[in-house]
């Protein structure tokens, strides 16, 4: 059985969403960490907005990427199977399949059938369902040394969140601190 691992960029003020502020911190050290998460995953789990943003970006990057580690990451992002939770999307590309029916039941089944992990990027309404059913096994929060003050906040759409315990801290030279939490 695999784990459901959520990976999310977050500012010092708790903002998530448009990650233009994270771009200067996506250096080689961060890429190694992110590649490790992606390599240990059988598939991606995405909400609609994250799917739309990532599919457009990584499809474009595949044509522009130089040879080397970033292109390996881009290749893996484009080839790995994806499951998308959406009530509005009717056509999916980018090696993606819609989650039909009960999202919690489908994700639980995906976890049980996974040889490795199911990796989820982003933080939004899908998290409410996943957290309500205690399906997220690890949160990898990329705390970025940026102060914005406005925007969507981490776990904004969650009514009640589980208590979390810190299981690992990784400090990157860029100032990013990766906090790994698991539900208690």
Protein backbone atom coordinates (compact mmCIF):
# COMPACT_ATOMS: atom_id res chain seq x y z
CA UNK A 1 0.00 0.00 0.00
CA UNK A 2 1.27 3.44 -0.88
CA UNK A 3 1.00 6.71 0.97
CA UNK A 4 -0.80 9.83 -0.15
CA UNK A 5 1.82 12.58 0.04
CA UNK A 6 0.85 16.22 -0.37
CA UNK A 7 3.55 18.66 -1.52
CA UNK A 8 2.75 22.36 -1.24
CA UNK A 9 4.68 25.63 -1.45
CA UNK A 10 3.71 28.06 1.31
CA UNK A 11 4.92 31.54 2.28
CA UNK A 12 5.84 32.63 5.79
CA UNK A 13 2.33 34.11 6.08
CA UNK A 14 0.68 30.84 5.05
CA UNK A 15 -0.24 31.89 1.51
CA UNK A 16 -0.46 29.27 -1.25
CA UNK A 17 -1.72 29.33 -4.81
CA UNK A 18 0.04 31.34 -7.48
CA UNK A 19 3.63 30.33 -6.89
CA UNK A 20 5.49 33.00 -8.86
CA UNK A 21 7.08 33.92 -5.54
CA UNK A 22 8.52 30.38 -5.25
CA UNK A 23 10.33 30.40 -8.61
CA UNK A 24 13.58 32.01 -7.35
CA UNK A 25 13.88 29.19 -4.78
CA UNK A 26 13.53 26.27 -7.21
CA UNK A 27 17.26 25.62 -7.34
CA UNK A 28 19.21 22.37 -7.79
CA UNK A 29 18.92 21.42 -4.13
CA UNK A 30 15.14 21.86 -4.22
CA UNK A 31 14.97 20.00 -7.55
CA UNK A 32 16.71 17.00 -5.99
CA UNK A 33 14.16 16.89 -3.18
CA UNK A 34 11.20 17.34 -5.54
CA UNK A 35 12.56 14.72 -7.93
CA UNK A 36 12.83 12.26 -5.04
CA UNK A 37 9.16 12.78 -4.17
CA UNK A 38 8.12 12.37 -7.79
CA UNK A 39 10.29 9.29 -8.33
CA UNK A 40 8.70 7.56 -5.33
CA UNK A 41 5.19 8.08 -6.76
CA UNK A 42 3.12 5.82 -9.00
CA UNK A 43 0.71 8.62 -9.89
CA UNK A 44 -0.32 12.20 -9.20
CA UNK A 45 -3.57 13.30 -7.58
CA UNK A 46 -4.68 16.78 -8.59
CA UNK A 47 -7.60 19.11 -8.15
CA UNK A 48 -8.96 20.96 -11.17
CA UNK A 49 -7.02 24.21 -10.78
CA UNK A 50 -3.72 22.47 -10.11
CA UNK A 51 -4.30 20.13 -13.06
CA UNK A 52 -5.04 23.04 -15.42
CA UNK A 53 -1.98 24.99 -14.33
CA UNK A 54 0.49 22.11 -14.28
CA UNK A 55 -0.70 20.49 -17.50
CA UNK A 56 -0.28 23.73 -19.44
CA UNK A 57 3.12 24.50 -17.89
CA UNK A 58 4.70 21.05 -18.18
CA UNK A 59 3.44 20.42 -21.70
CA UNK A 60 5.06 23.71 -22.74
CA UNK A 61 8.26 23.01 -20.77
CA UNK A 62 8.72 19.65 -22.48
CA UNK A 63 9.37 21.49 -25.74
CA UNK A 64 11.73 24.02 -24.15
CA UNK A 65 13.67 21.96 -21.57
CA UNK A 66 17.44 21.54 -21.81
CA UNK A 67 19.03 18.11 -21.31
CA UNK A 68 19.71 17.23 -17.67
CA UNK A 69 18.00 16.91 -14.30
CA UNK A 70 15.19 19.44 -14.90
CA UNK A 71 14.31 17.72 -18.17
CA UNK A 72 14.19 14.37 -16.34
CA UNK A 73 11.73 15.88 -13.86
CA UNK A 74 9.68 17.39 -16.67
CA UNK A 75 9.65 14.06 -18.52
CA UNK A 76 8.45 12.25 -15.40
CA UNK A 77 5.78 14.89 -14.75
CA UNK A 78 4.48 14.50 -18.28
CA UNK A 79 4.52 10.69 -18.31
CA UNK A 80 3.28 9.74 -14.83
CA UNK A 81 -0.43 8.81 -14.61
CA UNK A 82 -2.64 11.49 -13.11
CA UNK A 83 -6.01 11.37 -11.38
CA UNK A 84 -8.04 14.58 -11.38
CA UNK A 85 -10.87 15.43 -9.01
CA UNK A 86 -13.23 17.79 -10.82
CA UNK A 87 -16.96 18.24 -11.25
CA UNK A 88 -16.55 20.48 -14.30
CA UNK A 89 -13.79 19.12 -16.55
CA UNK A 90 -15.06 16.91 -19.33
CA UNK A 91 -11.88 16.45 -21.38
CA UNK A 92 -8.55 15.57 -19.87
CA UNK A 93 -5.17 15.32 -21.54
CA UNK A 94 -1.64 14.99 -20.12
CA UNK A 95 -2.00 11.30 -19.25
CA UNK A 96 -4.84 12.16 -16.86
CA UNK A 97 -8.04 10.38 -15.88
CA UNK A 98 -11.02 11.85 -14.06
CA UNK A 99 -12.03 10.57 -10.66
CA UNK A 100 -15.59 9.40 -11.14
CA UNK A 101 -17.92 9.05 -8.21
CA UNK A 102 -16.83 9.18 -4.58
CA UNK A 103 -13.42 10.89 -4.41
CA UNK A 104 -12.56 9.49 -0.97
CA UNK A 105 -13.39 5.94 -2.02
CA UNK A 106 -11.40 6.26 -5.24
CA UNK A 107 -8.34 7.73 -3.48
CA UNK A 108 -8.46 5.02 -0.81
CA UNK A 109 -8.54 2.40 -3.57
CA UNK A 110 -5.65 4.09 -5.41
CA UNK A 111 -3.58 4.05 -2.20
CA UNK A 112 -4.29 0.37 -1.63
CA UNK A 113 -3.32 -0.53 -5.20
CA UNK A 114 -0.21 1.64 -5.32
CA UNK A 115 3.19 0.01 -5.19
CA UNK A 116 4.69 3.35 -4.21
CA UNK A 117 3.07 6.67 -3.33
CA UNK A 118 0.34 8.85 -4.68
CA UNK A 119 1.67 12.43 -4.87
CA UNK A 120 -0.66 15.41 -4.60
CA UNK A 121 0.42 18.92 -5.51
CA UNK A 122 -1.44 22.03 -4.42
CA UNK A 123 -3.77 22.83 -1.59
CA UNK A 124 -7.44 23.58 -2.06
CA UNK A 125 -10.98 22.23 -1.83
CA UNK A 126 -9.90 18.64 -2.56
CA UNK A 127 -7.99 18.72 0.73
CA UNK A 128 -11.22 19.10 2.69
CA UNK A 129 -12.43 15.72 1.44
CA UNK A 130 -9.06 14.05 1.81
CA UNK A 131 -8.52 15.35 5.34
CA UNK A 132 -12.08 14.57 6.43
CA UNK A 133 -11.46 10.94 5.48
CA UNK A 134 -7.90 10.96 6.89
CA UNK A 135 -6.43 9.96 3.55
CA UNK A 136 -3.33 12.20 3.52
CA UNK A 137 -0.41 10.37 5.10
CA UNK A 138 2.24 13.09 4.81
CA UNK A 139 2.32 16.83 4.19
CA UNK A 140 5.56 18.17 2.66
CA UNK A 141 5.28 21.92 3.17
CA UNK A 142 7.91 23.96 1.34
CA UNK A 143 8.12 26.99 3.66
CA UNK A 144 9.53 29.72 1.43
CA UNK A 145 11.17 32.83 2.93
CA UNK A 146 8.72 35.24 1.31
CA UNK A 147 6.19 37.51 3.01
CA UNK A 148 3.18 38.41 0.87
CA UNK A 149 0.33 39.17 3.26
CA UNK A 150 -2.56 38.53 0.85
CA UNK A 151 -3.92 35.59 -1.08
CA UNK A 152 -5.31 32.14 -0.53
CA UNK A 153 -4.09 30.51 2.68
CA UNK A 154 -2.96 27.00 3.48
CA UNK A 155 -5.95 24.80 4.34
CA UNK A 156 -8.31 27.71 3.76
CA UNK A 157 -11.19 25.43 2.74
CA UNK A 158 -10.78 23.07 5.71
CA UNK A 159 -13.33 23.27 8.52
CA UNK A 160 -11.49 20.99 10.93
CA UNK A 161 -7.98 19.73 10.45
CA UNK A 162 -6.34 16.77 12.14
CA UNK A 163 -3.57 17.33 14.61
CA UNK A 164 -0.22 16.87 12.92
CA UNK A 165 3.16 15.76 14.20
CA UNK A 166 6.43 16.94 12.75
CA UNK A 167 8.35 13.97 11.33
CA UNK A 168 11.18 15.66 9.43
CA UNK A 169 12.78 19.03 8.75
CA UNK A 170 15.08 19.72 5.79
CA UNK A 171 16.81 23.09 5.52
CA UNK A 172 17.91 24.16 2.06
CA UNK A 173 20.69 26.65 1.37
CA UNK A 174 18.16 28.91 -0.40
CA UNK A 175 16.33 29.50 2.89
CA UNK A 176 13.45 27.13 2.09
CA UNK A 177 12.58 24.87 5.01
CA UNK A 178 10.78 21.64 4.15
CA UNK A 179 8.49 20.60 6.98
CA UNK A 180 7.10 17.07 6.80
CA UNK A 181 4.05 16.42 8.94
CA UNK A 182 1.91 13.32 9.45
CA UNK A 183 -1.51 13.10 11.08
CA UNK A 184 -1.43 11.93 14.70
